[in-house]
Amino acid sequence: MHISYSIYGLRLGANLPISGLNPLPCMGQYDVRVWLQSMPSESKELLSSEPKIRYVSSHRDGQGNPVLRSWDLAGGEYLRLRYSDGMEFILDRKGTRIWAAWPNTLAMEDASVYLLGPVLGFVLRLRGITCLHASAVCVEDKAIALVGPAGAGKSTTAAYLSGMGYPVLSDDVVALSDQGGSFIVQPAYPCLRLWPSSVNILYGAPDRLPRLVPKDPTWDKRFLKLAEDGQEFQIKPLPLAAIYLLAERSDGLSAPFVECIVTSEGLIGLIANTYANYLLDASMRAQEFETLSRIAQTVPFRRITPHTSPALLSKLGGVIVDDFKRLAESRYTLTAS
């Protein structure tokens, strides 16, 4: 019996409950099936079938080991992802099946962090879906994407906009459905992941939100559960109407401020901030570049420069919303004329 979920536009069925997702009525048919604490029956044969190294992370854990290693199995029909803490996933090349196993030192919450982020992010890439390293928020029935590298403030800004009454579609992974002339942002999961420093800025104390992984004292990330305390989760997909590239923070008097940027600069920003791009092969990268080029030509870009002072986060949210409303009005005027 599979438990049904919807995430990133995929119908997902799992053999065990997945932390962070809300179950749905049985769907019958699934895009992706997940087996937790289970490996495929042929796993021994797969793991001994002369695996080919696909990727070794340059990031190291406390013991100096690569945080992630990846292999192609059975001539590329399957892929293996193994993290340095012992968490392991096997995927089929079509992105339709996922198996996960972990040692007793880890828990289901750990598995969910990997599954809902990098693993499903890579599954989406296997299925030909472009993903941005971004957060997405609903403003006036349209999606805006907040794009930037780790630490840029994507989740913090999304959380503040959520508190202003703008529903969140996705955090960290923004999956884009290609509709030819437009791109649709698919809802992710009803949760925002925040570091204690961001929780302190937003809510006055670093421990105001619960730990994402309660049993792991070495990982202090917190989570904000949407659809509670007035925070909304946008459950329907929305068209992508603007992309805001988060620039380096400034202590200048004019910050926070927003600037229009040219298509070529926007494209460079997208290329630098796609999700799970380190696992792509040459053909997948070519497809990604073609898709990103069309996004750059059809979706308006802005560069937003936050202030270094956390006290001006409220002003940052207002600058983004006001700019988008002006942008939407100008596009409507041009279309109407």
Protein backbone atom coordinates (compact mmCIF):
# COMPACT_ATOMS: atom_id res chain seq x y z
CA MET A 1 0.00 0.00 0.00
CA HIS A 2 1.45 3.35 -1.05
CA ILE A 3 0.80 6.65 0.71
CA SER A 4 -0.03 9.34 -1.85
CA TYR A 5 1.55 12.78 -2.07
CA SER A 6 1.85 15.64 -4.55
CA ILE A 7 5.12 17.57 -4.83
CA TYR A 8 6.78 19.55 -7.64
CA GLY A 9 3.92 18.59 -9.95
CA LEU A 10 4.61 14.88 -9.44
CA ARG A 11 2.22 12.25 -8.09
CA LEU A 12 4.34 10.43 -5.54
CA GLY A 13 3.61 7.16 -3.75
CA ALA A 14 5.63 6.00 -0.72
CA ASN A 15 5.63 2.87 1.41
CA LEU A 16 6.08 4.93 4.62
CA PRO A 17 4.98 8.43 5.73
CA ILE A 18 7.32 11.20 4.57
CA SER A 19 8.07 13.96 7.08
CA GLY A 20 7.07 17.37 5.78
CA LEU A 21 4.43 16.21 3.29
CA ASN A 22 0.67 16.03 3.74
CA PRO A 23 -0.86 12.73 2.52
CA LEU A 24 -3.60 12.77 -0.09
CA PRO A 25 -6.33 10.29 -1.05
CA CYS A 26 -4.97 7.28 -2.90
CA MET A 27 -4.12 8.24 -6.49
CA GLY A 28 -3.76 4.75 -7.96
CA GLN A 29 -1.23 5.87 -10.56
CA TYR A 30 2.05 7.56 -9.67
CA ASP A 31 4.80 9.41 -11.48
CA VAL A 32 7.35 8.37 -8.85
CA ARG A 33 7.32 5.53 -6.33
CA VAL A 34 9.47 5.67 -3.20
CA TRP A 35 10.56 2.79 -0.98
CA LEU A 36 11.98 4.00 2.35
CA GLN A 37 14.34 1.81 4.38
CA SER A 38 14.33 -0.56 1.43
CA MET A 39 16.68 -1.33 -1.44
CA PRO A 40 15.74 -2.98 -4.78
CA SER A 41 15.74 -6.77 -4.77
CA GLU A 42 18.60 -6.74 -7.27
CA SER A 43 20.68 -4.27 -5.25
CA LYS A 44 23.55 -6.71 -4.67
CA GLU A 45 23.86 -7.30 -8.39
CA LEU A 46 23.59 -3.58 -9.10
CA LEU A 47 26.27 -2.62 -6.59
CA SER A 48 28.67 -5.23 -7.97
CA SER A 49 28.09 -4.36 -11.66
CA GLU A 50 31.25 -2.29 -12.16
CA PRO A 51 29.81 1.06 -11.04
CA LYS A 52 31.09 4.16 -12.82
CA ILE A 53 31.86 7.25 -10.75
CA ARG A 54 29.53 10.08 -11.78
CA TYR A 55 30.32 12.74 -9.19
CA VAL A 56 32.42 13.33 -6.08
CA SER A 57 31.61 16.41 -4.02
CA SER A 58 34.38 18.90 -3.36
CA HIS A 59 32.72 19.69 -0.02
CA ARG A 60 34.04 17.63 2.90
CA ASP A 61 32.56 16.57 6.21
CA GLY A 62 34.29 16.89 9.59
CA GLN A 63 36.36 13.77 8.88
CA GLY A 64 37.52 15.01 5.48
CA ASN A 65 35.24 12.72 3.46
CA PRO A 66 33.32 13.94 0.37
CA VAL A 67 29.80 14.91 1.42
CA LEU A 68 28.34 13.12 -1.61
CA ARG A 69 29.45 10.44 -4.03
CA SER A 70 27.42 9.30 -7.05
CA TRP A 71 27.76 6.31 -9.36
CA ASP A 72 26.12 5.03 -12.54
CA LEU A 73 25.00 1.42 -12.10
CA ALA A 74 24.15 -1.25 -14.69
CA GLY A 75 25.42 0.80 -17.58
CA GLY A 76 23.59 3.91 -16.43
CA GLU A 77 20.15 2.31 -15.96
CA TYR A 78 20.36 3.14 -12.25
CA LEU A 79 22.14 5.78 -10.18
CA ARG A 80 23.46 5.54 -6.65
CA LEU A 81 23.80 8.53 -4.31
CA ARG A 82 25.67 8.01 -1.05
CA TYR A 83 26.16 10.74 1.54
CA SER A 84 29.00 10.75 4.05
CA ASP A 85 26.61 10.24 6.99
CA GLY A 86 25.51 6.88 5.53
CA MET A 87 22.28 8.01 3.85
CA GLU A 88 21.92 6.20 0.52
CA PHE A 89 19.57 6.39 -2.46
CA ILE A 90 19.21 4.36 -5.65
CA LEU A 91 17.23 5.84 -8.55
CA ASP A 92 16.25 4.47 -11.91
CA ARG A 93 17.43 6.47 -14.93
CA LYS A 94 13.87 7.42 -15.94
CA GLY A 95 13.21 9.10 -12.60
CA THR A 96 10.25 6.89 -11.72
CA ARG A 97 11.57 4.85 -8.77
CA ILE A 98 13.55 5.75 -5.64
CA TRP A 99 14.90 3.49 -2.91
CA ALA A 100 16.39 4.84 0.31
CA ALA A 101 18.23 3.28 3.25
CA TRP A 102 20.08 4.72 6.23
CA PRO A 103 21.93 3.60 9.37
CA ASN A 104 20.41 3.58 12.86
CA THR A 105 22.22 6.82 13.66
CA LEU A 106 19.83 8.62 11.30
CA ALA A 107 16.05 9.00 11.27
CA MET A 108 13.14 9.50 8.90
CA GLU A 109 13.50 13.28 9.27
CA ASP A 110 17.05 13.00 7.89
CA ALA A 111 15.81 10.94 4.94
CA SER A 112 13.09 13.50 4.22
CA VAL A 113 15.57 16.39 4.14
CA TYR A 114 17.56 14.60 1.42
CA LEU A 115 14.52 13.23 -0.40
CA LEU A 116 12.53 16.46 -0.66
CA GLY A 117 15.59 18.47 -1.66
CA PRO A 118 18.54 17.10 -3.65
CA VAL A 119 17.10 13.66 -4.47
CA LEU A 120 13.76 14.77 -5.90
CA GLY A 121 15.56 17.76 -7.40
CA PHE A 122 17.73 15.34 -9.36
CA VAL A 123 14.72 13.15 -10.22
CA LEU A 124 13.11 16.23 -11.76
CA ARG A 125 16.25 16.81 -13.81
CA LEU A 126 16.19 13.18 -14.99
CA ARG A 127 12.61 13.78 -16.13
CA GLY A 128 13.69 16.84 -18.15
CA ILE A 129 12.34 19.46 -15.74
CA THR A 130 14.51 22.51 -15.13
CA CYS A 131 14.89 23.51 -11.49
CA LEU A 132 16.20 26.74 -10.02
CA HIS A 133 18.00 27.08 -6.69
CA ALA A 134 15.39 29.53 -5.50
CA SER A 135 12.30 30.23 -3.45
CA ALA A 136 8.98 31.17 -5.06
CA VAL A 137 6.18 33.32 -3.67
CA CYS A 138 2.71 34.16 -4.99
CA VAL A 139 1.98 37.85 -5.61
CA GLU A 140 -1.29 38.78 -7.32
CA ASP A 141 -1.87 35.24 -8.61
CA LYS A 142 1.56 35.08 -10.22
CA ALA A 143 4.81 33.49 -9.10
CA ILE A 144 7.99 35.44 -8.46
CA ALA A 145 11.25 33.56 -7.97
CA LEU A 146 13.93 34.68 -5.50
CA VAL A 147 17.15 33.29 -6.95
CA GLY A 148 20.60 33.15 -5.43
CA PRO A 149 23.35 30.95 -3.96
CA ALA A 150 23.30 29.46 -0.47
CA GLY A 151 23.22 32.20 2.15
CA ALA A 152 21.79 34.84 -0.19
CA GLY A 153 18.61 35.11 1.88
CA LYS A 154 16.07 33.36 -0.36
CA SER A 155 14.24 31.48 2.39
CA THR A 156 14.43 34.39 4.85
CA THR A 157 12.92 36.77 2.29
CA ALA A 158 10.24 34.23 1.36
CA ALA A 159 9.36 33.79 5.04
CA TYR A 160 9.01 37.53 5.50
CA LEU A 161 6.81 37.84 2.40
CA SER A 162 4.75 34.95 3.75
CA GLY A 163 4.23 36.92 6.95
CA MET A 164 3.03 39.82 4.80
CA GLY A 165 0.30 37.56 3.42
CA TYR A 166 1.94 36.33 0.21
CA PRO A 167 1.68 32.52 -0.06
CA VAL A 168 4.83 30.46 -0.61
CA LEU A 169 4.98 27.98 -3.51
CA SER A 170 8.42 26.52 -3.00
CA ASP A 171 11.61 26.81 -1.00
CA ASP A 172 15.12 25.91 -2.21
CA VAL A 173 13.92 23.99 -5.31
CA VAL A 174 11.73 25.78 -7.87
CA ALA A 175 10.53 23.29 -10.48
CA LEU A 176 9.48 24.87 -13.79
CA SER A 177 7.02 23.17 -16.13
CA ASP A 178 7.79 24.22 -19.69
CA GLN A 179 4.59 25.28 -21.47
CA GLY A 180 6.33 26.43 -24.64
CA GLY A 181 5.61 30.15 -24.42
CA SER A 182 5.56 30.31 -20.62
CA PHE A 183 6.82 28.53 -17.51
CA ILE A 184 4.76 27.28 -14.58
CA VAL A 185 6.08 27.06 -11.01
CA GLN A 186 4.96 23.83 -9.32
CA PRO A 187 4.14 23.81 -5.58
CA ALA A 188 6.68 22.02 -3.42
CA TYR A 189 5.92 21.23 0.25
CA PRO A 190 4.31 23.32 3.04
CA CYS A 191 7.49 24.19 4.89
CA LEU A 192 10.27 26.77 4.90
CA ARG A 193 13.72 25.78 6.17
CA LEU A 194 15.54 28.49 8.08
CA TRP A 195 18.82 28.82 9.96
CA PRO A 196 18.61 30.05 13.59
CA SER A 197 20.04 33.43 12.59
CA SER A 198 17.10 33.93 10.22
CA VAL A 199 14.63 32.71 12.85
CA ASN A 200 16.10 35.27 15.25
CA ILE A 201 15.68 38.05 12.69
CA LEU A 202 12.11 37.06 11.83
CA TYR A 203 10.73 35.96 15.18
CA GLY A 204 12.99 37.44 17.85
CA ALA A 205 14.78 34.31 19.11
CA PRO A 206 16.68 31.48 17.34
CA ASP A 207 14.68 28.75 19.08
CA ARG A 208 11.21 30.08 18.21
CA LEU A 209 10.87 27.37 15.55
CA PRO A 210 11.48 23.60 15.98
CA ARG A 211 14.51 21.78 14.65
CA LEU A 212 14.15 20.23 11.22
CA VAL A 213 15.93 17.09 12.43
CA PRO A 214 15.33 16.89 16.22
CA LYS A 215 17.74 14.01 16.86
CA ASP A 216 20.75 15.61 15.17
CA PRO A 217 22.43 18.13 17.52
CA THR A 218 25.04 18.99 14.85
CA TRP A 219 22.48 20.37 12.40
CA ASP A 220 20.55 23.31 13.75
CA LYS A 221 18.30 24.23 10.84
CA ARG A 222 14.69 25.04 11.79
CA PHE A 223 11.40 24.78 9.93
CA LEU A 224 8.38 27.01 9.55
CA LYS A 225 5.25 24.99 8.86
CA LEU A 226 3.10 26.84 6.39
CA ALA A 227 -0.72 26.89 6.55
CA GLU A 228 -0.38 27.64 10.27
CA ASP A 229 -0.44 30.97 12.15
CA GLY A 230 -1.66 32.79 9.06
CA GLN A 231 1.22 31.60 6.84
CA GLU A 232 -0.13 30.27 3.55
CA PHE A 233 1.09 27.56 1.20
CA GLN A 234 0.11 27.98 -2.44
CA ILE A 235 -1.21 24.56 -3.49
CA LYS A 236 -1.90 25.40 -7.16
CA PRO A 237 0.80 25.95 -9.81
CA LEU A 238 1.24 29.51 -11.05
CA PRO A 239 2.91 31.15 -14.07
CA LEU A 240 6.40 32.54 -13.46
CA ALA A 241 6.07 36.31 -13.91
CA ALA A 242 9.40 37.70 -12.63
CA ILE A 243 12.80 36.60 -11.36
CA TYR A 244 14.64 38.50 -8.64
CA LEU A 245 18.37 37.76 -8.41
CA LEU A 246 19.56 38.41 -4.86
CA ALA A 247 22.80 40.38 -4.97
CA GLU A 248 25.44 40.82 -2.27
CA ARG A 249 24.16 42.84 0.68
CA SER A 250 25.07 46.51 0.90
CA ASP A 251 25.27 49.00 3.76
CA GLY A 252 24.62 51.91 1.41
CA LEU A 253 21.87 54.41 2.18
CA SER A 254 19.91 53.39 -0.93
CA ALA A 255 19.71 49.69 0.00
CA PRO A 256 17.54 47.75 -0.33
CA PHE A 257 16.96 48.63 -3.97
CA VAL A 258 15.96 46.89 -7.18
CA GLU A 259 17.40 47.25 -10.68
CA CYS A 260 16.35 46.03 -14.09
CA ILE A 261 19.03 43.87 -15.73
CA VAL A 262 19.56 42.84 -19.34
CA THR A 263 18.72 39.39 -20.68
CA SER A 264 22.34 38.25 -20.93
CA GLU A 265 23.05 39.09 -17.28
CA GLY A 266 19.85 37.36 -16.22
CA LEU A 267 20.83 34.25 -18.16
CA ILE A 268 24.23 34.16 -16.44
CA GLY A 269 22.45 34.41 -13.08
CA LEU A 270 20.18 31.50 -13.98
CA ILE A 271 23.04 29.31 -15.18
CA ALA A 272 24.84 29.90 -11.88
CA ASN A 273 21.74 29.00 -9.85
CA THR A 274 20.15 25.90 -11.33
CA TYR A 275 19.49 23.03 -8.94
CA ALA A 276 21.43 19.74 -8.85
CA ASN A 277 23.43 20.80 -11.91
CA TYR A 278 26.50 18.98 -10.60
CA LEU A 279 24.87 15.65 -11.49
CA LEU A 280 23.94 16.52 -15.09
CA ASP A 281 25.54 14.86 -18.09
CA ALA A 282 26.38 16.67 -21.35
CA SER A 283 22.98 16.15 -23.01
CA MET A 284 21.13 17.28 -19.87
CA ARG A 285 23.28 20.40 -19.67
CA ALA A 286 22.54 21.22 -23.32
CA GLN A 287 18.81 20.89 -22.67
CA GLU A 288 19.14 23.04 -19.56
CA PHE A 289 20.91 25.82 -21.46
CA GLU A 290 18.23 25.87 -24.16
CA THR A 291 15.48 26.10 -21.53
CA LEU A 292 17.25 28.80 -19.51
CA SER A 293 17.78 30.84 -22.67
CA ARG A 294 14.04 30.82 -23.35
CA ILE A 295 13.29 31.74 -19.74
CA ALA A 296 15.70 34.68 -20.02
CA GLN A 297 13.93 35.88 -23.16
CA THR A 298 10.38 35.63 -21.79
CA VAL A 299 10.53 36.40 -18.04
CA PRO A 300 11.52 39.85 -16.67
CA PHE A 301 14.66 39.96 -14.53
CA ARG A 302 15.47 42.18 -11.59
CA ARG A 303 18.53 42.41 -9.35
CA ILE A 304 17.62 43.10 -5.74
CA THR A 305 20.31 44.37 -3.36
CA PRO A 306 19.37 43.82 0.32
CA HIS A 307 20.75 45.90 3.15
CA THR A 308 23.22 44.38 5.58
CA SER A 309 20.98 45.38 8.47
CA PRO A 310 18.33 42.76 9.40
CA ALA A 311 16.15 45.63 10.59
CA LEU A 312 15.54 46.60 6.97
CA LEU A 313 14.13 43.20 5.96
CA SER A 314 10.63 44.68 6.08
CA LYS A 315 11.69 47.35 3.61
CA LEU A 316 13.17 44.66 1.34
CA GLY A 317 9.83 42.85 1.21
CA GLY A 318 8.03 46.07 0.36
CA VAL A 319 10.54 46.95 -2.37
CA ILE A 320 10.04 43.57 -4.05
CA VAL A 321 6.24 43.65 -3.91
CA ASP A 322 5.97 47.28 -5.06
CA ASP A 323 8.38 46.66 -7.93
CA PHE A 324 6.50 43.58 -9.08
CA LYS A 325 3.16 45.37 -8.98
CA ARG A 326 4.59 48.17 -11.13
CA LEU A 327 6.09 45.60 -13.48
CA ALA A 328 2.81 43.71 -13.77
CA GLU A 329 0.89 46.94 -14.42
CA SER A 330 3.32 48.05 -17.13
CA ARG A 331 3.15 44.67 -18.87
CA TYR A 332 -0.65 44.76 -18.71
CA THR A 333 -0.66 48.26 -20.21
CA LEU A 334 1.62 47.18 -23.05
CA THR A 335 -0.50 44.12 -23.74
CA ALA A 336 -3.76 46.10 -23.68
CA SER A 337 -2.38 48.70 -26.06
